[in-house]
Amino acid sequence: MKILIIAHARSGSTNLANAICNLTGDTLYFEPFNSQRSHREDNWLNSPPKDIPENCVVKTIIFQNKTWVRERAKDFDLVIFLSRANIREVFISAQNAYNKNNYHGIYINDAEPTDDMMRFVSIQYKMLTHMNMLLSKDSLVNSRFVWYEDIFCEEVEHSLSSIRNLGIDCSQEKFTNVWKKWLSPKKRLRII
């Protein structure tokens, strides 16, 4: 299966991508258009693949390459749009990550979001919404919108139901193990 995850920053997309790869056995292509990762072997900035690799999950942030996403979404079996309903938490998380230059580590919630950060995050929400609207009208694209809060929740059954609604099938036992490692709210990076 070929899966594309499109999200705004600080949406849990890294953990969702890792969880899906653990459930499906697919290979993760992590932010292949991220200019800060241009030294990586799996970076597609200068030469994106002609064919999307089989059995892969491509995770990207909405602003990293909108044109490629728009043109190539039809080549995926599933396109997942991931967003958080609580935009205030995204503002705070983004500001903390930026201030500490730590995007994947544990942090203490001690930053007040600046106006610039709130604008930056708000623009990503608008871009994500716009791309979802465009692709959902394309009959060649199988896209689903999912909320962070439905995946990263205390109720394992609710989280499993949300994953299954994406067309990803797995046993309760396998999902519970993946949930404990990647999706449980206890795995959040923020220390309250």
N, C-alpha and C. Protein backbone atom coordinates (compact mmCIF):
# COMPACT_ATOMS: atom_id res chain seq x y z
N MET A 1 0.84 -1.18 0.00
CA MET A 1 0.00 0.00 0.00
C MET A 1 0.88 1.24 0.00
N LYS A 2 0.45 2.26 -0.72
CA LYS A 2 1.16 3.53 -0.76
C LYS A 2 0.31 4.57 -0.04
N ILE A 3 0.87 5.13 1.04
CA ILE A 3 0.12 6.06 1.88
C ILE A 3 0.86 7.39 1.93
N LEU A 4 0.14 8.47 1.76
CA LEU A 4 0.68 9.82 1.89
C LEU A 4 0.00 10.48 3.07
N ILE A 5 0.80 10.96 4.02
CA ILE A 5 0.28 11.71 5.16
C ILE A 5 0.67 13.17 4.97
N ILE A 6 -0.34 14.03 4.94
CA ILE A 6 -0.13 15.47 4.80
C ILE A 6 -0.65 16.11 6.08
N ALA A 7 0.17 16.94 6.70
CA ALA A 7 -0.22 17.53 7.98
C ALA A 7 0.38 18.91 8.13
N HIS A 8 -0.11 19.62 9.11
CA HIS A 8 0.56 20.85 9.53
C HIS A 8 1.58 20.47 10.60
N ALA A 9 2.51 21.34 10.86
CA ALA A 9 3.52 21.07 11.88
C ALA A 9 2.86 20.89 13.24
N ARG A 10 3.46 20.07 14.07
CA ARG A 10 3.05 19.82 15.44
C ARG A 10 1.69 19.13 15.52
N SER A 11 1.42 18.25 14.56
CA SER A 11 0.12 17.57 14.51
C SER A 11 0.19 16.11 14.94
N GLY A 12 1.35 15.61 15.28
CA GLY A 12 1.49 14.20 15.61
C GLY A 12 1.74 13.32 14.39
N SER A 13 2.04 13.95 13.25
CA SER A 13 2.18 13.19 12.01
C SER A 13 3.37 12.23 12.04
N THR A 14 4.43 12.57 12.74
CA THR A 14 5.57 11.66 12.84
C THR A 14 5.17 10.38 13.56
N ASN A 15 4.49 10.53 14.69
CA ASN A 15 4.06 9.34 15.44
C ASN A 15 3.02 8.54 14.66
N LEU A 16 2.11 9.23 13.98
CA LEU A 16 1.12 8.51 13.17
C LEU A 16 1.81 7.72 12.06
N ALA A 17 2.77 8.34 11.39
CA ALA A 17 3.50 7.65 10.32
C ALA A 17 4.23 6.43 10.86
N ASN A 18 4.90 6.58 11.99
CA ASN A 18 5.60 5.45 12.60
C ASN A 18 4.62 4.35 13.01
N ALA A 19 3.47 4.73 13.54
CA ALA A 19 2.47 3.74 13.95
C ALA A 19 1.97 2.96 12.73
N ILE A 20 1.65 3.68 11.66
CA ILE A 20 1.15 3.00 10.45
C ILE A 20 2.21 2.06 9.89
N CYS A 21 3.46 2.51 9.86
CA CYS A 21 4.53 1.63 9.37
C CYS A 21 4.68 0.39 10.24
N ASN A 22 4.53 0.54 11.54
CA ASN A 22 4.59 -0.61 12.44
C ASN A 22 3.42 -1.57 12.20
N LEU A 23 2.26 -1.03 11.86
CA LEU A 23 1.09 -1.87 11.62
C LEU A 23 1.14 -2.57 10.26
N THR A 24 1.67 -1.88 9.26
CA THR A 24 1.64 -2.40 7.88
C THR A 24 2.95 -3.03 7.41
N GLY A 25 4.05 -2.69 8.08
CA GLY A 25 5.36 -3.16 7.62
C GLY A 25 5.91 -2.30 6.50
N ASP A 26 5.25 -1.18 6.19
CA ASP A 26 5.69 -0.30 5.11
C ASP A 26 6.95 0.48 5.51
N THR A 27 7.63 1.01 4.50
CA THR A 27 8.83 1.84 4.70
C THR A 27 8.41 3.30 4.83
N LEU A 28 9.00 4.01 5.78
CA LEU A 28 8.68 5.42 5.99
C LEU A 28 9.65 6.31 5.22
N TYR A 29 9.08 7.22 4.45
CA TYR A 29 9.84 8.31 3.82
C TYR A 29 9.45 9.57 4.58
N PHE A 30 10.34 9.98 5.48
CA PHE A 30 10.05 11.03 6.43
C PHE A 30 10.42 12.40 5.86
N GLU A 31 9.40 13.21 5.61
CA GLU A 31 9.58 14.58 5.11
C GLU A 31 10.63 14.66 4.00
N PRO A 32 10.40 13.97 2.89
CA PRO A 32 11.40 13.92 1.83
C PRO A 32 11.65 15.26 1.14
N PHE A 33 10.79 16.26 1.38
CA PHE A 33 10.99 17.58 0.78
C PHE A 33 11.42 18.62 1.80
N ASN A 34 11.83 18.19 2.95
CA ASN A 34 12.28 19.10 4.00
C ASN A 34 13.69 19.57 3.68
N SER A 35 13.85 20.85 3.42
CA SER A 35 15.16 21.40 3.01
C SER A 35 16.20 21.25 4.11
N GLN A 36 15.79 21.13 5.36
CA GLN A 36 16.74 20.94 6.45
C GLN A 36 17.26 19.51 6.52
N ARG A 37 16.70 18.65 5.70
CA ARG A 37 17.13 17.25 5.66
C ARG A 37 17.72 16.91 4.29
N SER A 38 18.21 17.91 3.58
CA SER A 38 18.69 17.71 2.21
C SER A 38 19.90 16.78 2.13
N HIS A 39 20.61 16.60 3.21
CA HIS A 39 21.78 15.71 3.24
C HIS A 39 21.38 14.24 3.33
N ARG A 40 20.12 13.97 3.62
CA ARG A 40 19.68 12.59 3.81
C ARG A 40 19.50 11.87 2.49
N GLU A 41 19.75 10.58 2.51
CA GLU A 41 19.62 9.74 1.31
C GLU A 41 18.18 9.70 0.80
N ASP A 42 17.21 9.77 1.73
CA ASP A 42 15.80 9.68 1.34
C ASP A 42 15.18 11.05 1.02
N ASN A 43 16.01 12.05 0.75
CA ASN A 43 15.50 13.38 0.41
C ASN A 43 15.18 13.44 -1.08
N TRP A 44 14.01 13.99 -1.40
CA TRP A 44 13.54 14.06 -2.78
C TRP A 44 13.55 15.47 -3.33
N LEU A 45 14.20 16.40 -2.65
CA LEU A 45 14.18 17.80 -3.08
C LEU A 45 14.62 17.98 -4.52
N ASN A 46 15.74 17.40 -4.88
CA ASN A 46 16.30 17.61 -6.21
C ASN A 46 15.85 16.58 -7.23
N SER A 47 15.48 15.40 -6.76
CA SER A 47 15.07 14.36 -7.73
C SER A 47 14.01 13.45 -7.12
N PRO A 48 12.76 13.89 -7.13
CA PRO A 48 11.70 13.02 -6.64
C PRO A 48 11.58 11.79 -7.54
N PRO A 49 11.20 10.66 -6.98
CA PRO A 49 11.12 9.44 -7.79
C PRO A 49 10.03 9.55 -8.86
N LYS A 50 10.28 8.95 -9.99
CA LYS A 50 9.29 8.92 -11.06
C LYS A 50 8.08 8.09 -10.62
N ASP A 51 8.36 6.97 -9.97
CA ASP A 51 7.31 6.09 -9.45
C ASP A 51 7.37 6.08 -7.94
N ILE A 52 6.20 6.15 -7.32
CA ILE A 52 6.14 6.07 -5.87
C ILE A 52 6.50 4.65 -5.46
N PRO A 53 7.42 4.49 -4.50
CA PRO A 53 7.80 3.13 -4.08
C PRO A 53 6.59 2.36 -3.53
N GLU A 54 6.58 1.06 -3.75
CA GLU A 54 5.54 0.20 -3.19
C GLU A 54 5.70 0.13 -1.67
N ASN A 55 4.62 -0.16 -1.01
CA ASN A 55 4.64 -0.39 0.44
C ASN A 55 5.38 0.71 1.19
N CYS A 56 4.89 1.92 1.03
CA CYS A 56 5.56 3.05 1.69
C CYS A 56 4.55 3.99 2.32
N VAL A 57 5.04 4.71 3.30
CA VAL A 57 4.32 5.82 3.91
C VAL A 57 5.19 7.04 3.71
N VAL A 58 4.66 8.03 3.00
CA VAL A 58 5.36 9.30 2.80
C VAL A 58 4.68 10.31 3.71
N LYS A 59 5.45 10.88 4.61
CA LYS A 59 4.93 11.86 5.55
C LYS A 59 5.52 13.21 5.20
N THR A 60 4.63 14.21 4.98
CA THR A 60 5.12 15.54 4.63
C THR A 60 4.31 16.60 5.36
N ILE A 61 4.94 17.73 5.56
CA ILE A 61 4.26 18.90 6.13
C ILE A 61 3.76 19.72 4.95
N ILE A 62 2.58 20.29 5.08
CA ILE A 62 1.86 20.90 3.97
C ILE A 62 2.68 21.93 3.19
N PHE A 63 3.54 22.67 3.82
CA PHE A 63 4.27 23.72 3.10
C PHE A 63 5.55 23.21 2.42
N GLN A 64 5.90 21.94 2.57
CA GLN A 64 7.19 21.48 2.06
C GLN A 64 7.22 21.30 0.54
N ASN A 65 6.14 20.87 -0.07
CA ASN A 65 6.09 20.80 -1.54
C ASN A 65 4.65 20.58 -1.99
N LYS A 66 3.86 21.66 -1.94
CA LYS A 66 2.43 21.58 -2.28
C LYS A 66 2.21 21.13 -3.72
N THR A 67 3.05 21.59 -4.62
CA THR A 67 2.87 21.27 -6.04
C THR A 67 3.00 19.76 -6.25
N TRP A 68 4.04 19.16 -5.69
CA TRP A 68 4.24 17.72 -5.83
C TRP A 68 3.06 16.97 -5.21
N VAL A 69 2.62 17.39 -4.05
CA VAL A 69 1.50 16.74 -3.39
C VAL A 69 0.27 16.78 -4.29
N ARG A 70 -0.01 17.93 -4.82
CA ARG A 70 -1.19 18.09 -5.68
C ARG A 70 -1.09 17.19 -6.92
N GLU A 71 0.08 17.16 -7.52
CA GLU A 71 0.25 16.39 -8.76
C GLU A 71 0.33 14.88 -8.52
N ARG A 72 0.88 14.47 -7.39
CA ARG A 72 1.15 13.03 -7.20
C ARG A 72 0.20 12.33 -6.24
N ALA A 73 -0.72 13.04 -5.63
CA ALA A 73 -1.63 12.42 -4.66
C ALA A 73 -2.38 11.23 -5.27
N LYS A 74 -2.71 11.32 -6.55
CA LYS A 74 -3.46 10.24 -7.22
C LYS A 74 -2.65 8.95 -7.32
N ASP A 75 -1.33 9.03 -7.14
CA ASP A 75 -0.48 7.84 -7.23
C ASP A 75 -0.44 7.04 -5.93
N PHE A 76 -1.13 7.53 -4.91
CA PHE A 76 -1.17 6.86 -3.61
C PHE A 76 -2.50 6.13 -3.45
N ASP A 77 -2.46 5.02 -2.73
CA ASP A 77 -3.68 4.29 -2.43
C ASP A 77 -4.53 5.04 -1.40
N LEU A 78 -3.87 5.80 -0.53
CA LEU A 78 -4.56 6.53 0.52
C LEU A 78 -3.80 7.82 0.82
N VAL A 79 -4.54 8.91 0.90
CA VAL A 79 -3.98 10.20 1.31
C VAL A 79 -4.67 10.58 2.62
N ILE A 80 -3.88 10.77 3.66
CA ILE A 80 -4.41 11.12 4.98
C ILE A 80 -4.07 12.57 5.27
N PHE A 81 -5.09 13.35 5.58
CA PHE A 81 -4.90 14.71 6.08
C PHE A 81 -5.05 14.64 7.58
N LEU A 82 -4.04 15.12 8.31
CA LEU A 82 -4.06 15.08 9.77
C LEU A 82 -4.00 16.50 10.31
N SER A 83 -4.91 16.80 11.25
CA SER A 83 -4.93 18.12 11.86
C SER A 83 -5.35 18.01 13.31
N ARG A 84 -4.93 18.98 14.10
CA ARG A 84 -5.37 19.07 15.49
C ARG A 84 -6.51 20.07 15.60
N ALA A 85 -7.53 19.71 16.33
CA ALA A 85 -8.67 20.61 16.55
C ALA A 85 -8.27 21.74 17.50
N ASN A 86 -7.37 21.46 18.42
CA ASN A 86 -6.97 22.46 19.41
C ASN A 86 -5.79 23.27 18.88
N ILE A 87 -6.10 24.33 18.18
CA ILE A 87 -5.04 25.14 17.55
C ILE A 87 -4.17 25.83 18.59
N ARG A 88 -4.70 26.14 19.74
CA ARG A 88 -3.89 26.77 20.80
C ARG A 88 -2.72 25.87 21.19
N GLU A 89 -2.98 24.57 21.32
CA GLU A 89 -1.90 23.65 21.65
C GLU A 89 -0.85 23.60 20.54
N VAL A 90 -1.29 23.73 19.30
CA VAL A 90 -0.34 23.76 18.18
C VAL A 90 0.52 25.01 18.26
N PHE A 91 -0.10 26.16 18.55
CA PHE A 91 0.66 27.41 18.70
C PHE A 91 1.77 27.24 19.75
N ILE A 92 1.39 26.71 20.90
CA ILE A 92 2.34 26.55 22.01
C ILE A 92 3.42 25.54 21.65
N SER A 93 3.03 24.41 21.09
CA SER A 93 3.99 23.38 20.70
C SER A 93 4.98 23.91 19.66
N ALA A 94 4.46 24.63 18.67
CA ALA A 94 5.33 25.18 17.62
C ALA A 94 6.30 26.20 18.19
N GLN A 95 5.83 27.04 19.09
CA GLN A 95 6.71 28.04 19.68
C GLN A 95 7.80 27.38 20.52
N ASN A 96 7.44 26.37 21.31
CA ASN A 96 8.43 25.64 22.11
C ASN A 96 9.46 24.97 21.22
N ALA A 97 9.01 24.31 20.17
CA ALA A 97 9.94 23.61 19.25
C ALA A 97 10.88 24.62 18.61
N TYR A 98 10.35 25.74 18.17
CA TYR A 98 11.17 26.77 17.53
C TYR A 98 12.17 27.37 18.53
N ASN A 99 11.71 27.74 19.70
CA ASN A 99 12.59 28.36 20.71
C ASN A 99 13.74 27.45 21.10
N LYS A 100 13.46 26.17 21.20
CA LYS A 100 14.47 25.21 21.68
C LYS A 100 15.16 24.47 20.54
N ASN A 101 14.74 24.74 19.29
CA ASN A 101 15.24 24.01 18.12
C ASN A 101 15.21 22.51 18.39
N ASN A 102 14.09 22.06 18.93
CA ASN A 102 13.91 20.66 19.32
C ASN A 102 12.52 20.24 18.87
N TYR A 103 12.45 19.58 17.72
CA TYR A 103 11.17 19.25 17.13
C TYR A 103 10.69 17.84 17.46
N HIS A 104 11.55 17.02 18.03
CA HIS A 104 11.14 15.64 18.31
C HIS A 104 11.55 15.19 19.70
N GLY A 105 11.78 16.14 20.59
CA GLY A 105 12.17 15.79 21.95
C GLY A 105 11.15 16.30 22.96
N ILE A 106 11.26 15.81 24.16
CA ILE A 106 10.37 16.21 25.24
C ILE A 106 10.64 17.67 25.59
N TYR A 107 9.57 18.40 25.88
CA TYR A 107 9.72 19.80 26.24
C TYR A 107 8.75 20.17 27.36
N ILE A 108 9.11 21.22 28.07
CA ILE A 108 8.25 21.79 29.10
C ILE A 108 7.45 22.90 28.44
N ASN A 109 6.18 22.94 28.73
CA ASN A 109 5.28 23.91 28.13
C ASN A 109 5.50 25.28 28.78
N ASP A 110 6.51 26.01 28.32
CA ASP A 110 6.85 27.27 28.97
C ASP A 110 6.98 28.45 28.00
N ALA A 111 6.45 28.30 26.79
CA ALA A 111 6.58 29.39 25.81
C ALA A 111 5.21 29.97 25.49
N GLU A 112 5.18 31.27 25.38
CA GLU A 112 3.97 31.96 24.94
C GLU A 112 4.13 32.20 23.45
N PRO A 113 3.17 31.77 22.65
CA PRO A 113 3.31 31.93 21.19
C PRO A 113 3.32 33.39 20.77
N THR A 114 4.23 33.70 19.85
CA THR A 114 4.30 35.05 19.30
C THR A 114 3.25 35.22 18.21
N ASP A 115 2.99 36.46 17.85
CA ASP A 115 2.06 36.72 16.75
C ASP A 115 2.56 36.08 15.46
N ASP A 116 3.87 36.15 15.22
CA ASP A 116 4.43 35.54 14.01
C ASP A 116 4.20 34.04 13.98
N MET A 117 4.39 33.37 15.12
CA MET A 117 4.18 31.92 15.17
C MET A 117 2.71 31.58 14.95
N MET A 118 1.83 32.37 15.54
CA MET A 118 0.40 32.09 15.36
C MET A 118 -0.01 32.30 13.90
N ARG A 119 0.56 33.28 13.24
CA ARG A 119 0.30 33.49 11.81
C ARG A 119 0.82 32.31 10.99
N PHE A 120 2.05 31.88 11.30
CA PHE A 120 2.68 30.75 10.59
C PHE A 120 1.82 29.49 10.71
N VAL A 121 1.37 29.19 11.90
CA VAL A 121 0.54 28.00 12.12
C VAL A 121 -0.82 28.17 11.43
N SER A 122 -1.39 29.34 11.54
CA SER A 122 -2.70 29.59 10.92
C SER A 122 -2.63 29.42 9.40
N ILE A 123 -1.56 29.86 8.81
CA ILE A 123 -1.37 29.70 7.36
C ILE A 123 -1.32 28.22 7.00
N GLN A 124 -0.64 27.41 7.83
CA GLN A 124 -0.57 25.97 7.56
C GLN A 124 -1.96 25.33 7.63
N TYR A 125 -2.77 25.77 8.60
CA TYR A 125 -4.14 25.25 8.69
C TYR A 125 -4.91 25.58 7.41
N LYS A 126 -4.78 26.80 6.93
CA LYS A 126 -5.48 27.22 5.71
C LYS A 126 -4.98 26.42 4.50
N MET A 127 -3.67 26.22 4.41
CA MET A 127 -3.10 25.46 3.30
C MET A 127 -3.60 24.01 3.33
N LEU A 128 -3.63 23.42 4.51
CA LEU A 128 -4.08 22.03 4.66
C LEU A 128 -5.56 21.90 4.28
N THR A 129 -6.36 22.84 4.75
CA THR A 129 -7.79 22.84 4.43
C THR A 129 -8.01 23.00 2.93
N HIS A 130 -7.27 23.90 2.32
CA HIS A 130 -7.39 24.14 0.89
C HIS A 130 -6.98 22.89 0.08
N MET A 131 -5.87 22.27 0.45
CA MET A 131 -5.42 21.08 -0.27
C MET A 131 -6.43 19.94 -0.09
N ASN A 132 -6.96 19.79 1.12
CA ASN A 132 -7.98 18.77 1.35
C ASN A 132 -9.19 19.02 0.47
N MET A 133 -9.61 20.26 0.35
CA MET A 133 -10.76 20.60 -0.48
C MET A 133 -10.48 20.25 -1.95
N LEU A 134 -9.30 20.61 -2.43
CA LEU A 134 -8.95 20.32 -3.82
C LEU A 134 -8.91 18.82 -4.10
N LEU A 135 -8.21 18.09 -3.26
CA LEU A 135 -8.03 16.65 -3.51
C LEU A 135 -9.30 15.85 -3.26
N SER A 136 -10.14 16.31 -2.35
CA SER A 136 -11.37 15.56 -2.08
C SER A 136 -12.33 15.62 -3.27
N LYS A 137 -12.16 16.59 -4.16
CA LYS A 137 -12.99 16.71 -5.36
C LYS A 137 -12.45 15.87 -6.52
N ASP A 138 -11.23 15.36 -6.36
CA ASP A 138 -10.60 14.57 -7.43
C ASP A 138 -10.99 13.10 -7.25
N SER A 139 -11.72 12.57 -8.22
CA SER A 139 -12.19 11.18 -8.13
C SER A 139 -11.06 10.16 -8.15
N LEU A 140 -9.86 10.57 -8.56
CA LEU A 140 -8.72 9.65 -8.61
C LEU A 140 -7.97 9.58 -7.28
N VAL A 141 -8.34 10.43 -6.32
CA VAL A 141 -7.63 10.49 -5.04
C VAL A 141 -8.53 9.95 -3.92
N ASN A 142 -8.01 8.96 -3.20
CA ASN A 142 -8.69 8.41 -2.03
C ASN A 142 -8.15 9.14 -0.81
N SER A 143 -8.84 10.21 -0.41
CA SER A 143 -8.33 11.01 0.71
C SER A 143 -9.29 10.95 1.89
N ARG A 144 -8.69 11.01 3.07
CA ARG A 144 -9.45 11.00 4.33
C ARG A 144 -8.87 12.09 5.23
N PHE A 145 -9.75 12.75 5.93
CA PHE A 145 -9.34 13.75 6.92
C PHE A 145 -9.52 13.13 8.29
N VAL A 146 -8.51 13.24 9.13
CA VAL A 146 -8.59 12.66 10.48
C VAL A 146 -8.08 13.69 11.48
N TRP A 147 -8.73 13.70 12.62
CA TRP A 147 -8.33 14.60 13.70
C TRP A 147 -7.33 13.92 14.63
N TYR A 148 -6.34 14.66 15.02
CA TYR A 148 -5.34 14.22 16.01
C TYR A 148 -6.05 13.62 17.22
N GLU A 149 -7.07 14.32 17.70
CA GLU A 149 -7.75 13.92 18.93
C GLU A 149 -8.45 12.57 18.80
N ASP A 150 -8.75 12.13 17.58
CA ASP A 150 -9.37 10.81 17.37
C ASP A 150 -8.34 9.68 17.30
N ILE A 151 -7.11 10.03 17.03
CA ILE A 151 -6.04 9.04 16.94
C ILE A 151 -5.28 8.94 18.27
N PHE A 152 -4.92 10.10 18.81
CA PHE A 152 -4.10 10.16 20.03
C PHE A 152 -5.01 10.37 21.24
N CYS A 153 -5.81 9.36 21.56
CA CYS A 153 -6.77 9.50 22.65
C CYS A 153 -6.57 8.39 23.68
N GLU A 154 -7.16 8.59 24.83
CA GLU A 154 -7.04 7.63 25.93
C GLU A 154 -7.72 6.30 25.63
N GLU A 155 -8.78 6.34 24.83
CA GLU A 155 -9.55 5.13 24.54
C GLU A 155 -8.91 4.39 23.36
N VAL A 156 -8.29 3.27 23.64
CA VAL A 156 -7.63 2.47 22.61
C VAL A 156 -8.64 2.07 21.52
N GLU A 157 -9.84 1.71 21.92
CA GLU A 157 -10.86 1.28 20.95
C GLU A 157 -11.21 2.42 19.98
N HIS A 158 -11.32 3.63 20.49
CA HIS A 158 -11.63 4.78 19.63
C HIS A 158 -10.49 5.03 18.64
N SER A 159 -9.28 4.96 19.13
CA SER A 159 -8.11 5.15 18.28
C SER A 159 -8.05 4.06 17.21
N LEU A 160 -8.28 2.81 17.61
CA LEU A 160 -8.29 1.69 16.65
C LEU A 160 -9.38 1.88 15.61
N SER A 161 -10.56 2.31 16.02
CA SER A 161 -11.65 2.55 15.08
C SER A 161 -11.26 3.63 14.07
N SER A 162 -10.58 4.67 14.53
CA SER A 162 -10.13 5.75 13.63
C SER A 162 -9.12 5.23 12.62
N ILE A 163 -8.21 4.38 13.06
CA ILE A 163 -7.22 3.79 12.15
C ILE A 163 -7.91 2.86 11.15
N ARG A 164 -8.83 2.05 11.62
CA ARG A 164 -9.56 1.15 10.72
C ARG A 164 -10.40 1.93 9.71
N ASN A 165 -10.95 3.07 10.13
CA ASN A 165 -11.72 3.91 9.21
C ASN A 165 -10.86 4.46 8.08
N LEU A 166 -9.55 4.44 8.26
CA LEU A 166 -8.62 4.85 7.20
C LEU A 166 -8.37 3.70 6.22
N GLY A 167 -8.89 2.53 6.55
CA GLY A 167 -8.67 1.36 5.68
C GLY A 167 -7.45 0.55 6.08
N ILE A 168 -6.95 0.80 7.26
CA ILE A 168 -5.78 0.06 7.75
C ILE A 168 -6.28 -0.98 8.74
N ASP A 169 -6.18 -2.23 8.36
CA ASP A 169 -6.72 -3.31 9.18
C ASP A 169 -5.60 -3.92 10.01
N CYS A 170 -5.93 -4.26 11.24
CA CYS A 170 -4.95 -4.91 12.12
C CYS A 170 -5.70 -5.54 13.29
N SER A 171 -5.02 -6.44 13.95
CA SER A 171 -5.64 -7.08 15.10
C SER A 171 -5.63 -6.12 16.30
N GLN A 172 -6.53 -6.37 17.21
CA GLN A 172 -6.61 -5.58 18.45
C GLN A 172 -5.28 -5.64 19.20
N GLU A 173 -4.70 -6.85 19.28
CA GLU A 173 -3.45 -7.03 20.02
C GLU A 173 -2.30 -6.24 19.39
N LYS A 174 -2.16 -6.37 18.08
CA LYS A 174 -1.09 -5.64 17.40
C LYS A 174 -1.28 -4.13 17.54
N PHE A 175 -2.53 -3.68 17.37
CA PHE A 175 -2.79 -2.25 17.49
C PHE A 175 -2.49 -1.75 18.90
N THR A 176 -2.89 -2.50 19.90
CA THR A 176 -2.65 -2.07 21.29
C THR A 176 -1.16 -1.86 21.55
N ASN A 177 -0.33 -2.75 21.04
CA ASN A 177 1.12 -2.60 21.21
C ASN A 177 1.63 -1.35 20.49
N VAL A 178 1.14 -1.12 19.28
CA VAL A 178 1.54 0.07 18.53
C VAL A 178 1.02 1.33 19.22
N TRP A 179 -0.21 1.27 19.71
CA TRP A 179 -0.81 2.41 20.42
C TRP A 179 0.04 2.79 21.64
N LYS A 180 0.46 1.78 22.40
CA LYS A 180 1.28 2.05 23.60
C LYS A 180 2.59 2.73 23.23
N LYS A 181 3.16 2.34 22.09
CA LYS A 181 4.46 2.88 21.68
C LYS A 181 4.35 4.25 21.00
N TRP A 182 3.31 4.47 20.16
CA TRP A 182 3.27 5.66 19.31
C TRP A 182 2.07 6.59 19.51
N LEU A 183 0.94 6.07 19.94
CA LEU A 183 -0.28 6.88 19.89
C LEU A 183 -0.88 7.23 21.25
N SER A 184 -0.44 6.58 22.30
CA SER A 184 -0.97 6.88 23.63
C SER A 184 -0.66 8.33 24.01
N PRO A 185 -1.62 9.03 24.60
CA PRO A 185 -1.34 10.40 25.06
C PRO A 185 -0.15 10.48 26.02
N LYS A 186 0.19 9.37 26.64
CA LYS A 186 1.36 9.36 27.53
C LYS A 186 2.66 9.54 26.75
N LYS A 187 2.61 9.35 25.42
CA LYS A 187 3.80 9.51 24.57
C LYS A 187 3.95 10.93 24.05
N ARG A 188 3.08 11.83 24.47
CA ARG A 188 3.18 13.22 24.02
C ARG A 188 4.52 13.79 24.47
N LEU A 189 5.04 14.68 23.69
CA LEU A 189 6.35 15.26 24.00
C LEU A 189 6.25 16.34 25.08
N ARG A 190 5.08 16.92 25.22
CA ARG A 190 4.93 18.02 26.16
C ARG A 190 4.81 17.49 27.59
N ILE A 191 5.56 18.08 28.49
CA ILE A 191 5.46 17.79 29.91
C ILE A 191 4.59 18.87 30.53
N ILE A 192 3.49 18.45 31.11
CA ILE A 192 2.54 19.43 31.69
C ILE A 192 2.99 19.85 33.05
